[in-house]
Amino acid sequence: MNSPRFLPRLALVLAAASLAACSDSDAPGGSPPSGTAPFPSPNWEVRTPEAQGMSKAGLDAALDYAFQEGKNTQGVVVIRRRAIVAERYEPGRDERSFAGSWSVAKSFTSAVVGIAIGQGLIPSADAPMTDYLPDWAGTPKASIKLRHVLNMASGLRWQESYDPATTTTSDVIGMVLTNDALGYAASREVANPPGTVFNYSSGDTMLVSGVLERATGKSAGEFATANLFTKIGMSPTDWWRDGHSRTLTYCCLDTPTREFAKLGLLFLERGQWAGTQVIAESWIDESTAPSPSFEGYGYFWWLIGRTNSNIPADTYAARGVDGQFIYVIPSLQIVVVRNGHYDKHPGDSLADPNLVSVYPPSGLSEGRGTVPPNSWSDTDFIGPIVSAITDR
C-alpha cells in the first residue's frame, strides 16, 4: 500500500520534536490545546487552515494528490483540533453523499467491542470464543480467545484474496458469495495455534458479529447505533447485513465522509465525546497496541506509523479495499478521511443472495459499488498534511 518514500527528513525531525515536546495541557485526555473547536454536534465547525496552525498550500498539495486523474477519489476531509481545515469532493458529490467503507468497518467493530466490554456485556478480550460460539467447545477451536480474533491471529485457515481468478480458493470471495457470512467464517478449520501467526482475515472479524449478538442480545448494527453512532451524532448510517440479517462486521458500513471522521475524532479524544466517555480510555490504548504476532496491527486497526518511517510513528488507520481510509495522528491532533468513488445500491442493505451482487468492489459493475485508485501512497498523501503544520 505504500510507495517510494519522499517526505523530507526535516519534517520527520519536527514531528518527533512535537511528540517529545507535547505537554500535559495539549496531550489527548488533558485540556485541549488553544484553538480547539467544539465537538461536532452533529455538524462540524469549518475553520481556515491558518486558524488551526496549518498552511493552505500544504493541504492543497495533499488534496491535489488525492484527486489526480485515476485516483477515483470521491471525498477527502482533514480535521485538526476538531475543526475541518480542508475538504473536497468529486463533481456531483458533497458532504451529504454516502461513501462505502469495506474494511474500514472493522475498526468500528473494534470500537463496539470496547463499548460492550465497558458495559460488562463481554468480560474482556480474553473471553473464550466458545462462550459465543458454543459449537466450538470440545473441538480444536476451543482454545481461541476473542483477543486472538481481534488481532487477526485466530489460527483459522483463511485466504484473503480479491483477485477474481481466485474465486474457487479465496475465502473472502467465498464469504461474500454466501448469504450466511457467520456460518462460513465459523466453519474454517484450524491451521495454526491461536495467537501465533498474523493472517489478515475478514472471517475473523465476521466472527465478532456472532460475539456481539450473543453478548448484547442485539445485532451488532443495532448495538452500534444505540451505543456508538447516536452518542457521537453519526448520521446517516447504513450497515449491511447477510441473508440471515447478521451485521457484516467485517465490512460495508455506508455513511458520508464527514461521518467516518467522527470515529477518528472519538479515538483521538481518548474515547470521550463532549463530556461523555463513550469508550473507556483503556480500550483506546489496548486496541491500538501492537499485536504479539505483528507490530503493525492492533485490534482491527492498522498501526501504519510503526511500519512506515515516512509518517509520524503514532499514526494508525482504518483501511478498506478500493482506497477507504481513516487516518488518526494523535501527536498532531489530526484525523484524515479519504473515500473512493461509490455508487450506493438503492434498495435494502441486505446481502441476499450475496454481497457482491449489490455491493461490488473494484469497479466490477458500472454504476454500482466502489472504484479503486490506480495507486495509493500513504506517504504521498499524509506527508504534505504533516508538513502543512506550522505551529509545532
Protein backbone atom coordinates (compact mmCIF):
# COMPACT_ATOMS: atom_id res chain seq x y z
CA MET A 1 0.00 0.00 0.00
CA ASN A 2 2.99 2.34 0.42
CA SER A 3 5.02 3.79 -2.45
CA PRO A 4 8.59 5.13 -2.52
CA ARG A 5 9.38 7.46 0.35
CA PHE A 6 9.87 11.16 -0.18
CA LEU A 7 8.94 13.07 2.99
CA PRO A 8 11.83 15.34 3.90
CA ARG A 9 13.79 14.31 6.95
CA LEU A 10 13.24 17.80 8.35
CA ALA A 11 9.51 17.11 8.61
CA LEU A 12 10.22 13.86 10.43
CA VAL A 13 12.51 15.61 12.88
CA LEU A 14 9.86 18.26 13.52
CA ALA A 15 7.20 15.59 14.05
CA ALA A 16 9.44 13.78 16.52
CA ALA A 17 10.13 17.05 18.32
CA SER A 18 6.41 17.69 18.51
CA LEU A 19 5.90 14.34 20.19
CA ALA A 20 8.67 14.97 22.70
CA ALA A 21 7.52 18.50 23.48
CA CYS A 22 3.84 17.68 23.92
CA SER A 23 2.87 18.86 27.40
CA ASP A 24 0.11 17.59 29.66
CA SER A 25 -2.03 20.54 28.61
CA ASP A 26 -2.07 19.62 24.91
CA ALA A 27 -1.97 15.85 25.16
CA PRO A 28 -5.16 13.89 24.40
CA GLY A 29 -7.04 13.46 27.67
CA GLY A 30 -5.73 16.76 29.12
CA SER A 31 -7.04 20.25 28.46
CA PRO A 32 -7.47 20.82 24.71
CA PRO A 33 -4.84 22.98 23.02
CA SER A 34 -5.63 26.60 22.22
CA GLY A 35 -7.84 26.94 19.17
CA THR A 36 -9.62 23.61 19.61
CA ALA A 37 -13.14 23.70 18.18
CA PRO A 38 -16.22 22.30 19.93
CA PHE A 39 -17.18 18.70 19.25
CA PRO A 40 -19.42 18.38 16.17
CA SER A 41 -22.98 18.21 17.46
CA PRO A 42 -23.75 16.94 14.92
CA ASN A 43 -22.21 19.36 12.41
CA TRP A 44 -18.51 20.10 12.15
CA GLU A 45 -17.06 23.57 12.59
CA VAL A 46 -15.11 24.65 9.50
CA ARG A 47 -12.07 26.87 10.04
CA THR A 48 -9.26 28.17 7.89
CA PRO A 49 -6.05 26.14 7.96
CA GLU A 50 -4.22 29.13 9.41
CA ALA A 51 -6.63 29.29 12.38
CA GLN A 52 -5.65 25.72 13.23
CA GLY A 53 -1.92 26.16 12.74
CA MET A 54 -1.64 24.84 9.19
CA SER A 55 -0.81 26.14 5.74
CA LYS A 56 -3.36 26.00 2.94
CA ALA A 57 -0.64 25.25 0.39
CA GLY A 58 0.36 22.02 2.13
CA LEU A 59 -3.22 20.86 2.44
CA ASP A 60 -3.89 21.69 -1.20
CA ALA A 61 -0.94 19.51 -2.17
CA ALA A 62 -2.50 16.54 -0.37
CA LEU A 63 -5.90 17.15 -1.93
CA ASP A 64 -4.36 17.57 -5.37
CA TYR A 65 -2.64 14.19 -4.93
CA ALA A 66 -5.91 12.52 -3.89
CA PHE A 67 -7.85 13.96 -6.82
CA GLN A 68 -5.33 13.22 -9.57
CA GLU A 69 -6.81 11.57 -12.64
CA GLY A 70 -7.16 7.86 -11.99
CA LYS A 71 -7.29 8.15 -8.19
CA ASN A 72 -11.11 7.89 -8.29
CA THR A 73 -11.44 9.83 -5.04
CA GLN A 74 -14.98 10.74 -4.02
CA GLY A 75 -14.23 12.72 -0.88
CA VAL A 76 -11.47 13.87 1.47
CA VAL A 77 -11.82 15.66 4.78
CA VAL A 78 -8.97 16.82 7.04
CA ILE A 79 -9.64 17.60 10.71
CA ARG A 80 -7.31 19.41 13.10
CA ARG A 81 -8.27 20.22 16.68
CA ARG A 82 -11.87 19.16 16.00
CA ALA A 83 -12.35 21.56 13.05
CA ILE A 84 -12.43 20.83 9.33
CA VAL A 85 -9.46 22.56 7.73
CA ALA A 86 -9.69 21.05 4.23
CA GLU A 87 -12.40 19.23 2.29
CA ARG A 88 -13.01 18.32 -1.34
CA TYR A 89 -15.41 16.13 -3.31
CA GLU A 90 -15.61 14.86 -6.86
CA PRO A 91 -18.17 16.51 -9.18
CA GLY A 92 -21.71 15.51 -8.30
CA ARG A 93 -20.87 14.55 -4.69
CA ASP A 94 -20.73 16.56 -1.47
CA GLU A 95 -20.62 16.23 2.31
CA ARG A 96 -24.04 14.52 2.29
CA SER A 97 -23.09 11.76 -0.17
CA PHE A 98 -22.83 8.20 1.09
CA ALA A 99 -19.39 6.60 0.91
CA GLY A 100 -18.55 2.92 1.26
CA SER A 101 -16.31 1.50 3.94
CA TRP A 102 -15.31 -2.01 3.03
CA SER A 103 -12.86 -3.00 5.81
CA VAL A 104 -12.88 0.42 7.47
CA ALA A 105 -15.92 -1.08 9.20
CA LYS A 106 -13.56 -3.44 11.07
CA SER A 107 -12.31 -0.53 13.17
CA PHE A 108 -15.89 0.40 14.04
CA THR A 109 -16.36 -3.21 15.11
CA SER A 110 -13.32 -2.87 17.39
CA ALA A 111 -14.87 0.22 18.97
CA VAL A 112 -18.19 -1.57 19.52
CA VAL A 113 -16.42 -4.49 21.22
CA GLY A 114 -14.73 -1.98 23.54
CA ILE A 115 -18.10 -0.48 24.42
CA ALA A 116 -19.58 -3.91 25.15
CA ILE A 117 -16.64 -4.72 27.41
CA GLY A 118 -17.03 -1.37 29.17
CA GLN A 119 -20.68 -2.20 29.85
CA GLY A 120 -19.75 -5.60 31.29
CA LEU A 121 -21.54 -7.47 28.50
CA ILE A 122 -18.25 -9.09 27.49
CA PRO A 123 -15.83 -9.73 30.40
CA SER A 124 -12.62 -8.87 28.50
CA ALA A 125 -10.69 -9.52 25.32
CA ASP A 126 -9.56 -12.78 26.96
CA ALA A 127 -13.09 -14.21 26.84
CA PRO A 128 -13.10 -17.65 25.19
CA MET A 129 -14.84 -17.72 21.82
CA THR A 130 -16.72 -20.83 22.94
CA ASP A 131 -18.81 -18.54 25.17
CA TYR A 132 -20.31 -17.12 21.98
CA LEU A 133 -19.84 -19.98 19.51
CA PRO A 134 -20.71 -22.98 21.71
CA ASP A 135 -20.40 -25.40 18.80
CA TRP A 136 -16.65 -24.90 19.07
CA ALA A 137 -16.50 -26.49 22.54
CA GLY A 138 -14.59 -29.76 22.53
CA THR A 139 -13.05 -29.05 19.10
CA PRO A 140 -9.57 -27.84 18.08
CA LYS A 141 -11.06 -24.30 18.07
CA ALA A 142 -11.86 -24.38 21.81
CA SER A 143 -8.66 -22.51 22.81
CA ILE A 144 -9.35 -19.47 20.60
CA LYS A 145 -9.99 -16.29 22.58
CA LEU A 146 -11.63 -13.07 21.48
CA ARG A 147 -8.22 -11.38 21.69
CA HIS A 148 -6.82 -13.74 19.05
CA VAL A 149 -9.68 -12.85 16.70
CA LEU A 150 -9.24 -9.09 17.26
CA ASN A 151 -5.52 -9.43 16.47
CA MET A 152 -6.21 -11.42 13.26
CA ALA A 153 -4.39 -14.33 14.85
CA SER A 154 -7.20 -16.84 15.42
CA GLY A 155 -5.22 -19.57 13.71
CA LEU A 156 -8.15 -20.42 11.44
CA ARG A 157 -7.29 -21.15 7.83
CA TRP A 158 -8.18 -18.20 5.62
CA GLN A 159 -7.20 -16.80 2.22
CA GLU A 160 -7.96 -13.09 1.79
CA SER A 161 -7.64 -12.69 -1.98
CA TYR A 162 -9.72 -10.27 -4.03
CA ASP A 163 -8.48 -11.49 -7.41
CA PRO A 164 -11.45 -12.79 -9.46
CA ALA A 165 -9.13 -15.53 -10.72
CA THR A 166 -9.10 -16.99 -7.18
CA THR A 167 -12.88 -17.32 -6.91
CA THR A 168 -12.68 -21.03 -6.11
CA THR A 169 -9.94 -20.67 -3.45
CA SER A 170 -10.39 -17.23 -1.85
CA ASP A 171 -12.27 -17.36 1.45
CA VAL A 172 -13.26 -13.71 1.37
CA ILE A 173 -14.81 -14.21 -2.07
CA GLY A 174 -16.48 -17.34 -0.76
CA MET A 175 -17.91 -15.40 2.15
CA VAL A 176 -19.30 -12.52 0.08
CA LEU A 177 -20.93 -15.04 -2.25
CA THR A 178 -22.85 -16.78 0.53
CA ASN A 179 -25.89 -15.49 2.39
CA ASP A 180 -24.60 -16.88 5.72
CA ALA A 181 -21.37 -15.00 6.36
CA LEU A 182 -21.09 -16.00 10.04
CA GLY A 183 -21.64 -19.67 9.27
CA TYR A 184 -18.97 -19.54 6.57
CA ALA A 185 -16.40 -17.86 8.84
CA ALA A 186 -17.10 -20.17 11.79
CA SER A 187 -16.66 -23.28 9.66
CA ARG A 188 -13.00 -22.65 8.76
CA GLU A 189 -10.57 -25.25 10.09
CA VAL A 190 -7.58 -24.64 12.37
CA ALA A 191 -4.25 -24.07 10.62
CA ASN A 192 -2.06 -22.61 13.42
CA PRO A 193 -2.12 -22.35 17.22
CA PRO A 194 -4.12 -19.23 18.18
CA GLY A 195 -2.10 -16.09 18.82
CA THR A 196 0.99 -17.23 16.93
CA VAL A 197 0.51 -16.16 13.29
CA PHE A 198 -0.93 -12.91 11.91
CA ASN A 199 -3.21 -13.68 8.98
CA TYR A 200 -5.46 -10.89 7.76
CA SER A 201 -8.93 -12.40 7.73
CA SER A 202 -12.32 -10.83 7.15
CA GLY A 203 -13.64 -14.10 8.52
CA ASP A 204 -12.12 -13.35 11.92
CA THR A 205 -13.97 -10.03 12.02
CA MET A 206 -17.23 -11.64 10.92
CA LEU A 207 -16.99 -13.95 13.95
CA VAL A 208 -17.33 -10.85 16.13
CA SER A 209 -20.82 -10.29 14.70
CA GLY A 210 -21.82 -13.51 16.45
CA VAL A 211 -19.99 -12.50 19.62
CA LEU A 212 -21.78 -9.14 19.85
CA GLU A 213 -25.17 -10.60 19.03
CA ARG A 214 -24.92 -13.27 21.73
CA ALA A 215 -23.38 -10.89 24.30
CA THR A 216 -25.78 -7.97 23.83
CA GLY A 217 -28.99 -9.60 22.64
CA LYS A 218 -28.99 -7.26 19.63
CA SER A 219 -27.39 -7.36 16.22
CA ALA A 220 -24.00 -5.67 16.09
CA GLY A 221 -25.52 -2.91 13.97
CA GLU A 222 -28.37 -2.27 16.40
CA PHE A 223 -25.99 -2.18 19.35
CA ALA A 224 -23.65 0.15 17.47
CA THR A 225 -26.48 2.52 16.60
CA ALA A 226 -27.60 2.85 20.22
CA ASN A 227 -24.19 2.93 21.87
CA LEU A 228 -21.82 4.47 19.30
CA PHE A 229 -23.46 6.22 16.35
CA THR A 230 -26.09 8.01 18.43
CA LYS A 231 -23.57 9.01 21.09
CA ILE A 232 -21.30 10.81 18.60
CA GLY A 233 -24.04 12.17 16.34
CA MET A 234 -23.05 9.93 13.44
CA SER A 235 -25.90 10.01 10.93
CA PRO A 236 -26.99 8.73 8.48
CA THR A 237 -25.51 5.25 8.76
CA ASP A 238 -26.37 2.04 6.95
CA TRP A 239 -24.51 -1.13 8.00
CA TRP A 240 -25.06 -4.05 5.64
CA ARG A 241 -26.36 -7.47 6.74
CA ASP A 242 -26.05 -11.00 5.41
CA GLY A 243 -29.00 -13.12 4.32
CA HIS A 244 -29.64 -14.05 7.97
CA SER A 245 -29.77 -10.33 8.94
CA ARG A 246 -26.49 -10.53 10.83
CA THR A 247 -24.40 -7.36 10.65
CA LEU A 248 -21.42 -7.67 8.31
CA THR A 249 -18.90 -6.56 10.92
CA TYR A 250 -16.03 -7.11 8.51
CA CYS A 251 -17.24 -4.53 6.00
CA CYS A 252 -19.87 -2.38 4.41
CA LEU A 253 -20.84 0.50 6.66
CA ASP A 254 -22.20 3.28 4.46
CA THR A 255 -22.04 6.86 5.73
CA PRO A 256 -20.80 10.25 4.42
CA THR A 257 -17.09 11.08 4.58
CA ARG A 258 -17.56 13.62 7.39
CA GLU A 259 -19.30 10.96 9.49
CA PHE A 260 -16.42 8.50 9.11
CA ALA A 261 -14.19 11.19 10.62
CA LYS A 262 -16.18 11.08 13.86
CA LEU A 263 -14.76 7.66 14.75
CA GLY A 264 -11.25 9.03 14.21
CA LEU A 265 -12.03 12.00 16.43
CA LEU A 266 -13.50 9.76 19.14
CA PHE A 267 -10.26 7.77 19.27
CA LEU A 268 -8.17 10.95 19.09
CA GLU A 269 -10.13 12.23 22.11
CA ARG A 270 -9.38 9.06 24.09
CA GLY A 271 -12.94 7.75 23.81
CA GLN A 272 -14.54 10.91 25.22
CA TRP A 273 -17.16 12.91 23.33
CA ALA A 274 -18.41 16.25 24.64
CA GLY A 275 -18.08 15.19 28.26
CA THR A 276 -19.32 11.61 27.83
CA GLN A 277 -16.90 8.67 27.99
CA VAL A 278 -18.27 6.63 25.08
CA ILE A 279 -15.38 4.14 25.06
CA ALA A 280 -13.06 3.52 28.01
CA GLU A 281 -9.65 5.17 27.68
CA SER A 282 -8.08 1.82 28.44
CA TRP A 283 -9.70 0.38 25.30
CA ILE A 284 -8.22 3.14 23.13
CA ASP A 285 -4.76 2.09 24.36
CA GLU A 286 -5.42 -1.64 24.20
CA SER A 287 -6.95 -1.66 20.74
CA THR A 288 -4.16 0.45 19.21
CA ALA A 289 -1.32 -1.50 20.84
CA PRO A 290 0.68 -3.86 18.60
CA SER A 291 -0.30 -7.49 18.32
CA PRO A 292 2.25 -10.04 19.61
CA SER A 293 2.12 -11.64 16.17
CA PHE A 294 2.57 -8.42 14.11
CA GLU A 295 3.59 -4.98 15.37
CA GLY A 296 1.75 -3.25 12.54
CA TYR A 297 -1.69 -4.33 13.73
CA GLY A 298 -3.85 -3.85 16.84
CA TYR A 299 -7.49 -4.79 17.32
CA PHE A 300 -8.79 -4.22 13.78
CA TRP A 301 -6.62 -1.08 13.41
CA TRP A 302 -3.52 -0.80 11.20
CA LEU A 303 -0.60 0.75 13.14
CA ILE A 304 0.92 2.20 9.99
CA GLY A 305 3.32 4.59 11.71
CA ARG A 306 5.18 1.54 13.04
CA THR A 307 5.77 0.17 9.55
CA ASN A 308 6.24 3.37 7.51
CA SER A 309 9.03 5.62 8.76
CA ASN A 310 7.91 8.46 6.48
CA ILE A 311 4.85 9.33 8.58
CA PRO A 312 4.56 10.09 12.31
CA ALA A 313 5.23 7.00 14.39
CA ASP A 314 1.93 7.19 16.28
CA THR A 315 -0.23 7.18 13.13
CA TYR A 316 -2.84 4.45 12.94
CA ALA A 317 -5.58 3.85 10.41
CA ALA A 318 -8.76 2.09 9.45
CA ARG A 319 -8.30 0.73 5.93
CA GLY A 320 -10.63 -0.72 3.34
CA VAL A 321 -10.25 -2.12 -0.16
CA ASP A 322 -10.59 0.30 -3.07
CA GLY A 323 -8.92 3.04 -1.03
CA GLN A 324 -11.08 3.75 2.01
CA PHE A 325 -9.09 5.28 4.91
CA ILE A 326 -9.45 6.92 8.30
CA TYR A 327 -6.03 8.16 9.47
CA VAL A 328 -5.51 9.21 13.10
CA ILE A 329 -2.36 11.09 14.22
CA PRO A 330 -2.74 11.78 17.97
CA SER A 331 0.50 13.75 18.41
CA LEU A 332 -0.64 16.29 15.81
CA GLN A 333 -4.38 16.28 16.65
CA ILE A 334 -5.20 15.25 13.10
CA VAL A 335 -7.84 13.00 11.55
CA VAL A 336 -7.98 12.46 7.79
CA VAL A 337 -10.57 10.51 5.80
CA ARG A 338 -10.36 9.51 2.16
CA ASN A 339 -13.18 7.64 0.39
CA GLY A 340 -13.20 6.30 -3.14
CA HIS A 341 -15.97 6.67 -5.69
CA TYR A 342 -19.10 4.81 -4.52
CA ASP A 343 -22.48 4.20 -6.14
CA LYS A 344 -24.83 3.01 -3.41
CA HIS A 345 -27.39 0.27 -4.05
CA PRO A 346 -30.86 1.89 -3.99
CA GLY A 347 -32.59 -0.98 -2.20
CA ASP A 348 -32.35 -2.65 1.19
CA SER A 349 -28.81 -3.14 2.54
CA LEU A 350 -29.27 -6.90 2.71
CA ALA A 351 -26.72 -9.20 1.06
CA ASP A 352 -29.22 -11.75 -0.18
CA PRO A 353 -28.39 -13.90 -2.01
CA ASN A 354 -24.86 -12.48 -1.76
CA LEU A 355 -22.99 -9.26 -1.14
CA VAL A 356 -21.11 -8.82 -4.40
CA SER A 357 -24.37 -8.75 -6.38
CA VAL A 358 -25.32 -5.44 -4.74
CA TYR A 359 -22.01 -4.08 -3.37
CA PRO A 360 -19.36 -4.95 -5.95
CA PRO A 361 -15.73 -3.83 -5.49
CA SER A 362 -13.08 -2.76 -7.95
CA GLY A 363 -15.43 -1.17 -10.46
CA LEU A 364 -16.69 -4.62 -11.49
CA SER A 365 -20.18 -3.30 -12.24
CA GLU A 366 -20.59 0.15 -13.78
CA GLY A 367 -22.79 2.38 -11.65
CA ARG A 368 -22.63 0.07 -8.63
CA GLY A 369 -20.23 -0.39 -5.74
CA THR A 370 -16.75 1.06 -5.34
CA VAL A 371 -13.98 2.01 -7.75
CA PRO A 372 -10.30 1.74 -6.68
CA PRO A 373 -7.49 4.25 -7.25
CA ASN A 374 -4.90 3.33 -9.84
CA SER A 375 -2.35 3.55 -7.00
CA TRP A 376 -2.18 4.97 -3.50
CA SER A 377 0.67 6.05 -1.21
CA ASP A 378 0.19 6.92 2.45
CA THR A 379 3.47 8.83 2.28
CA ASP A 380 2.46 10.96 -0.71
CA PHE A 381 -0.92 11.78 0.81
CA ILE A 382 -0.19 12.16 4.53
CA GLY A 383 3.28 13.69 4.08
CA PRO A 384 2.05 17.08 2.78
CA ILE A 385 -0.58 17.25 5.54
CA VAL A 386 2.07 16.75 8.22
CA SER A 387 4.35 19.26 6.50
CA ALA A 388 1.48 21.79 6.45
CA ILE A 389 1.54 22.14 10.24
CA THR A 390 3.09 25.49 11.12
CA ASP A 391 2.69 25.72 14.90
CA ARG A 392 4.84 22.86 16.16
